[in-house]
PDB file of N, CA and C in Angstrom:
ATOM      1  N   MET A   1     -38.367  43.681 -75.547  1.00  0.00           N
ATOM      2  CA  MET A   1     -38.711  43.739 -76.952  1.00  0.00           C
ATOM      3  C   MET A   1     -39.884  44.703 -77.118  1.00  0.00           C
ATOM      4  N   LEU A   2     -39.742  45.575 -78.075  1.00  0.00           N
ATOM      5  CA  LEU A   2     -40.815  46.503 -78.417  1.00  0.00           C
ATOM      6  C   LEU A   2     -41.674  45.852 -79.487  1.00  0.00           C
ATOM      7  N   VAL A   3     -42.980  45.830 -79.294  1.00  0.00           N
ATOM      8  CA  VAL A   3     -43.907  45.257 -80.267  1.00  0.00           C
ATOM      9  C   VAL A   3     -44.800  46.374 -80.773  1.00  0.00           C
ATOM     10  N   LEU A   4     -44.826  46.555 -82.102  1.00  0.00           N
ATOM     11  CA  LEU A   4     -45.615  47.618 -82.711  1.00  0.00           C
ATOM     12  C   LEU A   4     -46.553  47.047 -83.762  1.00  0.00           C
ATOM     13  N   ALA A   5     -47.703  47.669 -83.930  1.00  0.00           N
ATOM     14  CA  ALA A   5     -48.618  47.323 -85.015  1.00  0.00           C
ATOM     15  C   ALA A   5     -48.446  48.384 -86.102  1.00  0.00           C
ATOM     16  N   ARG A   6     -48.286  47.955 -87.333  1.00  0.00           N
ATOM     17  CA  ARG A   6     -48.119  48.861 -88.469  1.00  0.00           C
ATOM     18  C   ARG A   6     -48.977  48.361 -89.623  1.00  0.00           C
ATOM     19  N   LYS A   7     -49.382  49.277 -90.472  1.00  0.00           N
ATOM     20  CA  LYS A   7     -50.127  48.935 -91.679  1.00  0.00           C
ATOM     21  C   LYS A   7     -49.231  49.151 -92.883  1.00  0.00           C
ATOM     22  N   ILE A   8     -49.680  48.706 -94.060  1.00  0.00           N
ATOM     23  CA  ILE A   8     -48.911  48.880 -95.284  1.00  0.00           C
ATOM     24  C   ILE A   8     -48.586  50.358 -95.476  1.00  0.00           C
ATOM     25  N   ASN A   9     -47.342  50.618 -95.867  1.00  0.00           N
ATOM     26  CA  ASN A   9     -46.768  51.946 -96.104  1.00  0.00           C
ATOM     27  C   ASN A   9     -46.484  52.733 -94.829  1.00  0.00           C
ATOM     28  N   GLU A  10     -46.695  52.143 -93.665  1.00  0.00           N
ATOM     29  CA  GLU A  10     -46.286  52.789 -92.418  1.00  0.00           C
ATOM     30  C   GLU A  10     -44.863  52.361 -92.095  1.00  0.00           C
ATOM     31  N   SER A  11     -44.190  53.175 -91.302  1.00  0.00           N
ATOM     32  CA  SER A  11     -42.765  52.962 -91.030  1.00  0.00           C
ATOM     33  C   SER A  11     -42.472  52.855 -89.545  1.00  0.00           C
ATOM     34  N   ILE A  12     -41.281  52.355 -89.281  1.00  0.00           N
ATOM     35  CA  ILE A  12     -40.689  52.325 -87.951  1.00  0.00           C
ATOM     36  C   ILE A  12     -39.283  52.896 -88.109  1.00  0.00           C
ATOM     37  N   MET A  13     -38.901  53.808 -87.248  1.00  0.00           N
ATOM     38  CA  MET A  13     -37.551  54.380 -87.288  1.00  0.00           C
ATOM     39  C   MET A  13     -36.703  53.749 -86.189  1.00  0.00           C
ATOM     40  N   ILE A  14     -35.478  53.414 -86.534  1.00  0.00           N
ATOM     41  CA  ILE A  14     -34.491  52.939 -85.570  1.00  0.00           C
ATOM     42  C   ILE A  14     -33.376  53.972 -85.583  1.00  0.00           C
ATOM     43  N   GLY A  15     -33.261  54.717 -84.501  1.00  0.00           N
ATOM     44  CA  GLY A  15     -32.310  55.824 -84.467  1.00  0.00           C
ATOM     45  C   GLY A  15     -32.728  56.866 -85.490  1.00  0.00           C
ATOM     46  N   ASP A  16     -31.746  57.606 -85.995  1.00  0.00           N
ATOM     47  CA  ASP A  16     -32.025  58.650 -86.983  1.00  0.00           C
ATOM     48  C   ASP A  16     -31.832  58.169 -88.415  1.00  0.00           C
ATOM     49  N   ASP A  17     -31.216  56.993 -88.587  1.00  0.00           N
ATOM     50  CA  ASP A  17     -30.765  56.600 -89.917  1.00  0.00           C
ATOM     51  C   ASP A  17     -31.446  55.382 -90.529  1.00  0.00           C
ATOM     52  N   VAL A  18     -32.150  54.599 -89.739  1.00  0.00           N
ATOM     53  CA  VAL A  18     -32.715  53.356 -90.259  1.00  0.00           C
ATOM     54  C   VAL A  18     -34.237  53.439 -90.228  1.00  0.00           C
ATOM     55  N   GLU A  19     -34.842  53.225 -91.397  1.00  0.00           N
ATOM     56  CA  GLU A  19     -36.302  53.237 -91.508  1.00  0.00           C
ATOM     57  C   GLU A  19     -36.747  51.883 -92.039  1.00  0.00           C
ATOM     58  N   ILE A  20     -37.720  51.295 -91.381  1.00  0.00           N
ATOM     59  CA  ILE A  20     -38.303  50.034 -91.826  1.00  0.00           C
ATOM     60  C   ILE A  20     -39.740  50.328 -92.256  1.00  0.00           C
ATOM     61  N   VAL A  21     -40.041  49.996 -93.510  1.00  0.00           N
ATOM     62  CA  VAL A  21     -41.349  50.290 -94.090  1.00  0.00           C
ATOM     63  C   VAL A  21     -42.076  48.974 -94.362  1.00  0.00           C
ATOM     64  N   ILE A  22     -43.352  48.912 -94.000  1.00  0.00           N
ATOM     65  CA  ILE A  22     -44.177  47.751 -94.315  1.00  0.00           C
ATOM     66  C   ILE A  22     -44.590  47.889 -95.783  1.00  0.00           C
ATOM     67  N   ILE A  23     -44.131  46.980 -96.627  1.00  0.00           N
ATOM     68  CA  ILE A  23     -44.395  47.042 -98.058  1.00  0.00           C
ATOM     69  C   ILE A  23     -45.665  46.279 -98.426  1.00  0.00           C
ATOM     70  N   ASP A  24     -45.819  45.092 -97.857  1.00  0.00           N
ATOM     71  CA  ASP A  24     -46.961  44.250 -98.223  1.00  0.00           C
ATOM     72  C   ASP A  24     -47.217  43.227 -97.122  1.00  0.00           C
ATOM     73  N   ILE A  25     -48.464  42.827 -97.011  1.00  0.00           N
ATOM     74  CA  ILE A  25     -48.841  41.781 -96.058  1.00  0.00           C
ATOM     75  C   ILE A  25     -49.740  40.806 -96.809  1.00  0.00           C
ATOM     76  N   LYS A  26     -49.322  39.542 -96.864  1.00  0.00           N
ATOM     77  CA  LYS A  26     -50.126  38.494 -97.500  1.00  0.00           C
ATOM     78  C   LYS A  26     -50.113  37.281 -96.589  1.00  0.00           C
ATOM     79  N   GLY A  27     -51.258  36.958 -96.028  1.00  0.00           N
ATOM     80  CA  GLY A  27     -51.337  35.813 -95.126  1.00  0.00           C
ATOM     81  C   GLY A  27     -50.424  36.002 -93.941  1.00  0.00           C
ATOM     82  N   ASP A  28     -49.511  35.048 -93.728  1.00  0.00           N
ATOM     83  CA  ASP A  28     -48.597  35.138 -92.590  1.00  0.00           C
ATOM     84  C   ASP A  28     -47.233  35.684 -92.983  1.00  0.00           C
ATOM     85  N   GLN A  29     -47.145  36.305 -94.167  1.00  0.00           N
ATOM     86  CA  GLN A  29     -45.871  36.860 -94.618  1.00  0.00           C
ATOM     87  C   GLN A  29     -45.957  38.382 -94.727  1.00  0.00           C
ATOM     88  N   VAL A  30     -44.932  39.042 -94.208  1.00  0.00           N
ATOM     89  CA  VAL A  30     -44.844  40.502 -94.255  1.00  0.00           C
ATOM     90  C   VAL A  30     -43.606  40.858 -95.059  1.00  0.00           C
ATOM     91  N   LYS A  31     -43.748  41.761 -96.037  1.00  0.00           N
ATOM     92  CA  LYS A  31     -42.597  42.240 -96.797  1.00  0.00           C
ATOM     93  C   LYS A  31     -42.190  43.587 -96.221  1.00  0.00           C
ATOM     94  N   LEU A  32     -40.898  43.692 -95.884  1.00  0.00           N
ATOM     95  CA  LEU A  32     -40.348  44.905 -95.303  1.00  0.00           C
ATOM     96  C   LEU A  32     -39.377  45.559 -96.270  1.00  0.00           C
ATOM     97  N   GLY A  33     -39.382  46.869 -96.272  1.00  0.00           N
ATOM     98  CA  GLY A  33     -38.354  47.627 -96.960  1.00  0.00           C
ATOM     99  C   GLY A  33     -37.486  48.283 -95.894  1.00  0.00           C
ATOM    100  N   ILE A  34     -36.187  48.223 -96.069  1.00  0.00           N
ATOM    101  CA  ILE A  34     -35.275  48.772 -95.060  1.00  0.00           C
ATOM    102  C   ILE A  34     -34.405  49.826 -95.721  1.00  0.00           C
ATOM    103  N   LYS A  35     -34.491  51.044 -95.209  1.00  0.00           N
ATOM    104  CA  LYS A  35     -33.647  52.140 -95.689  1.00  0.00           C
ATOM    105  C   LYS A  35     -32.601  52.400 -94.609  1.00  0.00           C
ATOM    106  N   ALA A  36     -31.334  52.191 -94.979  1.00  0.00           N
ATOM    107  CA  ALA A  36     -30.247  52.371 -94.019  1.00  0.00           C
ATOM    108  C   ALA A  36     -29.012  52.856 -94.768  1.00  0.00           C
ATOM    109  N   PRO A  37     -28.129  53.577 -94.080  1.00  0.00           N
ATOM    110  CA  PRO A  37     -26.874  53.987 -94.719  1.00  0.00           C
ATOM    111  C   PRO A  37     -26.073  52.762 -95.159  1.00  0.00           C
ATOM    112  N   LYS A  38     -25.260  52.938 -96.180  1.00  0.00           N
ATOM    113  CA  LYS A  38     -24.447  51.826 -96.681  1.00  0.00           C
ATOM    114  C   LYS A  38     -23.465  51.324 -95.638  1.00  0.00           C
ATOM    115  N   THR A  39     -23.175  52.128 -94.641  1.00  0.00           N
ATOM    116  CA  THR A  39     -22.236  51.730 -93.595  1.00  0.00           C
ATOM    117  C   THR A  39     -22.851  50.742 -92.613  1.00  0.00           C
ATOM    118  N   ILE A  40     -24.160  50.540 -92.689  1.00  0.00           N
ATOM    119  CA  ILE A  40     -24.855  49.613 -91.794  1.00  0.00           C
ATOM    120  C   ILE A  40     -25.223  48.357 -92.576  1.00  0.00           C
ATOM    121  N   SER A  41     -24.745  47.217 -92.115  1.00  0.00           N
ATOM    122  CA  SER A  41     -25.075  45.941 -92.758  1.00  0.00           C
ATOM    123  C   SER A  41     -26.489  45.541 -92.379  1.00  0.00           C
ATOM    124  N   VAL A  42     -27.229  45.047 -93.352  1.00  0.00           N
ATOM    125  CA  VAL A  42     -28.587  44.560 -93.108  1.00  0.00           C
ATOM    126  C   VAL A  42     -28.657  43.146 -93.670  1.00  0.00           C
ATOM    127  N   HIS A  43     -28.949  42.184 -92.800  1.00  0.00           N
ATOM    128  CA  HIS A  43     -29.030  40.780 -93.202  1.00  0.00           C
ATOM    129  C   HIS A  43     -30.247  40.133 -92.550  1.00  0.00           C
ATOM    130  N   ARG A  44     -30.752  39.088 -93.188  1.00  0.00           N
ATOM    131  CA  ARG A  44     -31.734  38.235 -92.512  1.00  0.00           C
ATOM    132  C   ARG A  44     -31.015  37.577 -91.343  1.00  0.00           C
ATOM    133  N   LYS A  45     -31.735  37.281 -90.274  1.00  0.00           N
ATOM    134  CA  LYS A  45     -31.124  36.744 -89.045  1.00  0.00           C
ATOM    135  C   LYS A  45     -30.329  35.475 -89.311  1.00  0.00           C
ATOM    136  N   GLU A  46     -30.862  34.561 -90.115  1.00  0.00           N
ATOM    137  CA  GLU A  46     -30.149  33.306 -90.351  1.00  0.00           C
ATOM    138  C   GLU A  46     -28.848  33.540 -91.118  1.00  0.00           C
ATOM    139  N   ILE A  47     -28.809  34.536 -91.984  1.00  0.00           N
ATOM    140  CA  ILE A  47     -27.579  34.878 -92.695  1.00  0.00           C
ATOM    141  C   ILE A  47     -26.587  35.534 -91.735  1.00  0.00           C
ATOM    142  N   TYR A  48     -27.077  36.438 -90.895  1.00  0.00           N
ATOM    143  CA  TYR A  48     -26.236  37.088 -89.884  1.00  0.00           C
ATOM    144  C   TYR A  48     -25.586  36.038 -88.973  1.00  0.00           C
ATOM    145  N   ASP A  49     -26.386  35.079 -88.504  1.00  0.00           N
ATOM    146  CA  ASP A  49     -25.852  34.021 -87.627  1.00  0.00           C
ATOM    147  C   ASP A  49     -24.768  33.219 -88.334  1.00  0.00           C
ATOM    148  N   GLU A  50     -24.957  32.921 -89.619  1.00  0.00           N
ATOM    149  CA  GLU A  50     -23.965  32.162 -90.375  1.00  0.00           C
ATOM    150  C   GLU A  50     -22.668  32.964 -90.538  1.00  0.00           C
ATOM    151  N   ILE A  51     -22.794  34.251 -90.799  1.00  0.00           N
ATOM    152  CA  ILE A  51     -21.614  35.119 -90.920  1.00  0.00           C
ATOM    153  C   ILE A  51     -20.837  35.130 -89.603  1.00  0.00           C
ATOM    154  N   GLN A  52     -21.549  35.274 -88.486  1.00  0.00           N
ATOM    155  CA  GLN A  52     -20.892  35.277 -87.176  1.00  0.00           C
ATOM    156  C   GLN A  52     -20.180  33.953 -86.914  1.00  0.00           C
ATOM    157  N   LYS A  53     -20.837  32.856 -87.258  1.00  0.00           N
ATOM    158  CA  LYS A  53     -20.251  31.527 -87.067  1.00  0.00           C
ATOM    159  C   LYS A  53     -18.968  31.380 -87.896  1.00  0.00           C
ATOM    160  N   GLU A  54     -19.000  31.836 -89.134  1.00  0.00           N
ATOM    161  CA  GLU A  54     -17.818  31.770 -89.993  1.00  0.00           C
ATOM    162  C   GLU A  54     -16.688  32.661 -89.470  1.00  0.00           C
ATOM    163  N   ASN A  55     -17.045  33.849 -88.974  1.00  0.00           N
ATOM    164  CA  ASN A  55     -16.024  34.751 -88.421  1.00  0.00           C
ATOM    165  C   ASN A  55     -15.343  34.138 -87.204  1.00  0.00           C
ATOM    166  N   ILE A  56     -16.119  33.506 -86.347  1.00  0.00           N
ATOM    167  CA  ILE A  56     -15.553  32.864 -85.153  1.00  0.00           C
ATOM    168  C   ILE A  56     -14.637  31.710 -85.562  1.00  0.00           C
ATOM    169  N   ALA A  57     -15.093  30.916 -86.534  1.00  0.00           N
ATOM    170  CA  ALA A  57     -14.275  29.787 -86.995  1.00  0.00           C
ATOM    171  C   ALA A  57     -12.966  30.288 -87.599  1.00  0.00           C
ATOM    172  N   ALA A  58     -13.021  31.361 -88.371  1.00  0.00           N
ATOM    173  CA  ALA A  58     -11.803  31.923 -88.980  1.00  0.00           C
ATOM    174  C   ALA A  58     -10.864  32.447 -87.906  1.00  0.00           C
ATOM    175  N   MET A  59     -11.419  33.100 -86.904  1.00  0.00           N
ATOM    176  CA  MET A  59     -10.601  33.642 -85.832  1.00  0.00           C
ATOM    177  C   MET A  59      -9.926  32.504 -85.053  1.00  0.00           C
ATOM    178  N   LYS A  60     -10.679  31.458 -84.771  1.00  0.00           N
ATOM    179  CA  LYS A  60     -10.119  30.327 -84.022  1.00  0.00           C
ATOM    180  C   LYS A  60      -9.012  29.638 -84.811  1.00  0.00           C
ATOM    181  N   SER A  61      -9.188  29.553 -86.126  1.00  0.00           N
ATOM    182  CA  SER A  61      -8.175  28.868 -86.925  1.00  0.00           C
ATOM    183  C   SER A  61      -6.881  29.674 -87.006  1.00  0.00           C
ATOM    184  N   GLN A  62      -6.958  30.988 -86.789  1.00  0.00           N
ATOM    185  CA  GLN A  62      -5.772  31.834 -86.844  1.00  0.00           C
ATOM    186  C   GLN A  62      -5.084  31.971 -85.498  1.00  0.00           C
ATOM    187  N   LEU A  63      -5.793  31.684 -84.415  1.00  0.00           N
ATOM    188  CA  LEU A  63      -5.191  31.808 -83.090  1.00  0.00           C
ATOM    189  C   LEU A  63      -4.352  30.575 -82.776  1.00  0.00           C
ATOM    190  N   LYS A  64      -3.151  30.818 -82.341  1.00  0.00           N
ATOM    191  CA  LYS A  64      -2.250  29.739 -81.938  1.00  0.00           C
ATOM    192  C   LYS A  64      -1.880  29.990 -80.482  1.00  0.00           C
ATOM    193  N   PRO A  65      -1.531  28.959 -79.758  1.00  0.00           N
ATOM    194  CA  PRO A  65      -1.178  29.157 -78.351  1.00  0.00           C
ATOM    195  C   PRO A  65      -0.099  30.219 -78.143  1.00  0.00           C
ATOM    196  N   GLU A  66       0.903  30.253 -79.033  1.00  0.00           N
ATOM    197  CA  GLU A  66       1.962  31.258 -78.860  1.00  0.00           C
ATOM    198  C   GLU A  66       1.427  32.675 -79.073  1.00  0.00           C
ATOM    199  N   THR A  67       0.415  32.823 -79.933  1.00  0.00           N
ATOM    200  CA  THR A  67      -0.203  34.135 -80.142  1.00  0.00           C
ATOM    201  C   THR A  67      -0.904  34.582 -78.864  1.00  0.00           C
ATOM    202  N   LEU A  68      -1.624  33.669 -78.242  1.00  0.00           N
ATOM    203  CA  LEU A  68      -2.297  33.997 -76.987  1.00  0.00           C
ATOM    204  C   LEU A  68      -1.294  34.339 -75.898  1.00  0.00           C
ATOM    205  N   LYS A  69      -0.163  33.630 -75.871  1.00  0.00           N
ATOM    206  CA  LYS A  69       0.894  33.926 -74.887  1.00  0.00           C
ATOM    207  C   LYS A  69       1.460  35.312 -75.129  1.00  0.00           C
ATOM    208  N   ASP A  70       1.688  35.658 -76.402  1.00  0.00           N
ATOM    209  CA  ASP A  70       2.205  36.993 -76.738  1.00  0.00           C
ATOM    210  C   ASP A  70       1.227  38.077 -76.297  1.00  0.00           C
ATOM    211  N   ILE A  71      -0.048  37.863 -76.555  1.00  0.00           N
ATOM    212  CA  ILE A  71      -1.076  38.842 -76.157  1.00  0.00           C
ATOM    213  C   ILE A  71      -1.100  38.981 -74.645  1.00  0.00           C
ATOM    214  N   SER A  72      -1.035  37.856 -73.949  1.00  0.00           N
ATOM    215  CA  SER A  72      -1.021  37.879 -72.490  1.00  0.00           C
ATOM    216  C   SER A  72       0.185  38.635 -71.959  1.00  0.00           C
ATOM    217  N   ASP A  73       1.355  38.401 -72.555  1.00  0.00           N
ATOM    218  CA  ASP A  73       2.571  39.104 -72.130  1.00  0.00           C
ATOM    219  C   ASP A  73       2.449  40.611 -72.343  1.00  0.00           C
ATOM    220  N   ILE A  74       1.900  41.013 -73.478  1.00  0.00           N
ATOM    221  CA  ILE A  74       1.727  42.441 -73.777  1.00  0.00           C
ATOM    222  C   ILE A  74       0.777  43.083 -72.766  1.00  0.00           C
ATOM    223  N   LEU A  75      -0.322  42.421 -72.503  1.00  0.00           N
ATOM    224  CA  LEU A  75      -1.293  42.963 -71.541  1.00  0.00           C
ATOM    225  C   LEU A  75      -0.699  43.057 -70.141  1.00  0.00           C
ATOM    226  N   GLN A  76       0.047  42.051 -69.732  1.00  0.00           N
ATOM    227  CA  GLN A  76       0.674  42.057 -68.410  1.00  0.00           C
ATOM    228  C   GLN A  76       1.694  43.190 -68.323  1.00  0.00           C
ATOM    229  N   SER A  77       2.504  43.369 -69.371  1.00  0.00           N
ATOM    230  CA  SER A  77       3.497  44.437 -69.407  1.00  0.00           C
ATOM    231  C   SER A  77       2.823  45.806 -69.313  1.00  0.00           C
ATOM    232  N   HIS A  78       1.737  45.960 -70.063  1.00  0.00           N
ATOM    233  CA  HIS A  78       0.995  47.230 -70.043  1.00  0.00           C
ATOM    234  C   HIS A  78       0.418  47.493 -68.647  1.00  0.00           C
ATOM    235  N   LYS A  79      -0.099  46.449 -68.021  1.00  0.00           N
ATOM    236  CA  LYS A  79      -0.668  46.576 -66.676  1.00  0.00           C
ATOM    237  C   LYS A  79       0.417  46.981 -65.676  1.00  0.00           C
ATOM    238  N   GLU A  80       1.581  46.369 -65.778  1.00  0.00           N
ATOM    239  CA  GLU A  80       2.682  46.686 -64.871  1.00  0.00           C
ATOM    240  C   GLU A  80       3.164  48.123 -65.065  1.00  0.00           C
ATOM    241  N   LYS A  81       3.253  48.588 -66.312  1.00  0.00           N
ATOM    242  CA  LYS A  81       3.667  49.969 -66.586  1.00  0.00           C
ATOM    243  C   LYS A  81       2.649  50.945 -66.010  1.00  0.00           C
ATOM    244  N   LYS A  82       1.380  50.607 -66.124  1.00  0.00           N
ATOM    245  CA  LYS A  82       0.330  51.486 -65.605  1.00  0.00           C
ATOM    246  C   LYS A  82       0.428  51.590 -64.091  1.00  0.00           C
ATOM    247  N   ILE A  83       0.694  50.459 -63.435  1.00  0.00           N
ATOM    248  CA  ILE A  83       0.826  50.448 -61.973  1.00  0.00           C
ATOM    249  C   ILE A  83       2.050  51.270 -61.563  1.00  0.00           C
ATOM    250  N   ASP A  84       3.189  51.090 -62.284  1.00  0.00           N
ATOM    251  CA  ASP A  84       4.413  51.846 -61.981  1.00  0.00           C
ATOM    252  C   ASP A  84       4.186  53.342 -62.143  1.00  0.00           C
ATOM    253  N   ASN A  85       3.506  53.748 -63.202  1.00  0.00           N
ATOM    254  CA  ASN A  85       3.271  55.176 -63.456  1.00  0.00           C
ATOM    255  C   ASN A  85       2.295  55.796 -62.467  1.00  0.00           C
ATOM    256  N   SER A  86       1.347  55.019 -61.982  1.00  0.00           N
ATOM    257  CA  SER A  86       0.373  55.578 -61.042  1.00  0.00           C
ATOM    258  C   SER A  86       0.963  55.710 -59.642  1.00  0.00           C
ATOM    259  N   GLY A  87       2.035  54.973 -59.359  1.00  0.00           N
ATOM    260  CA  GLY A  87       2.670  55.029 -58.045  1.00  0.00           C
ATOM    261  C   GLY A  87       3.661  56.166 -57.881  1.00  0.00           C
ATOM    262  N   LYS A  88       3.971  56.879 -58.967  1.00  0.00           N
ATOM    263  CA  LYS A  88       4.964  57.964 -58.910  1.00  0.00           C
ATOM    264  C   LYS A  88       4.367  59.250 -58.442  1.00  0.00           C
TER     265      LYS A  88
END
């Protein structure tokens, strides 16, 4: 983990596209401004964790044993074709 000290109106860059600006500091609370492309999602950690939890639950509810068997069969077939082609 990188730990940096910043003052109000100072920034931190993440890559070339994400800038985090210190907006205000009051007591034990820091207000941050985040400038990022619209293609990058920005969430508070607790919201991000909830989204991930919901995505996993949705994925699990859609997976059925026969789906996993089909995926396994496809992967095995692909592996066998790759082995056959590399042996020629």
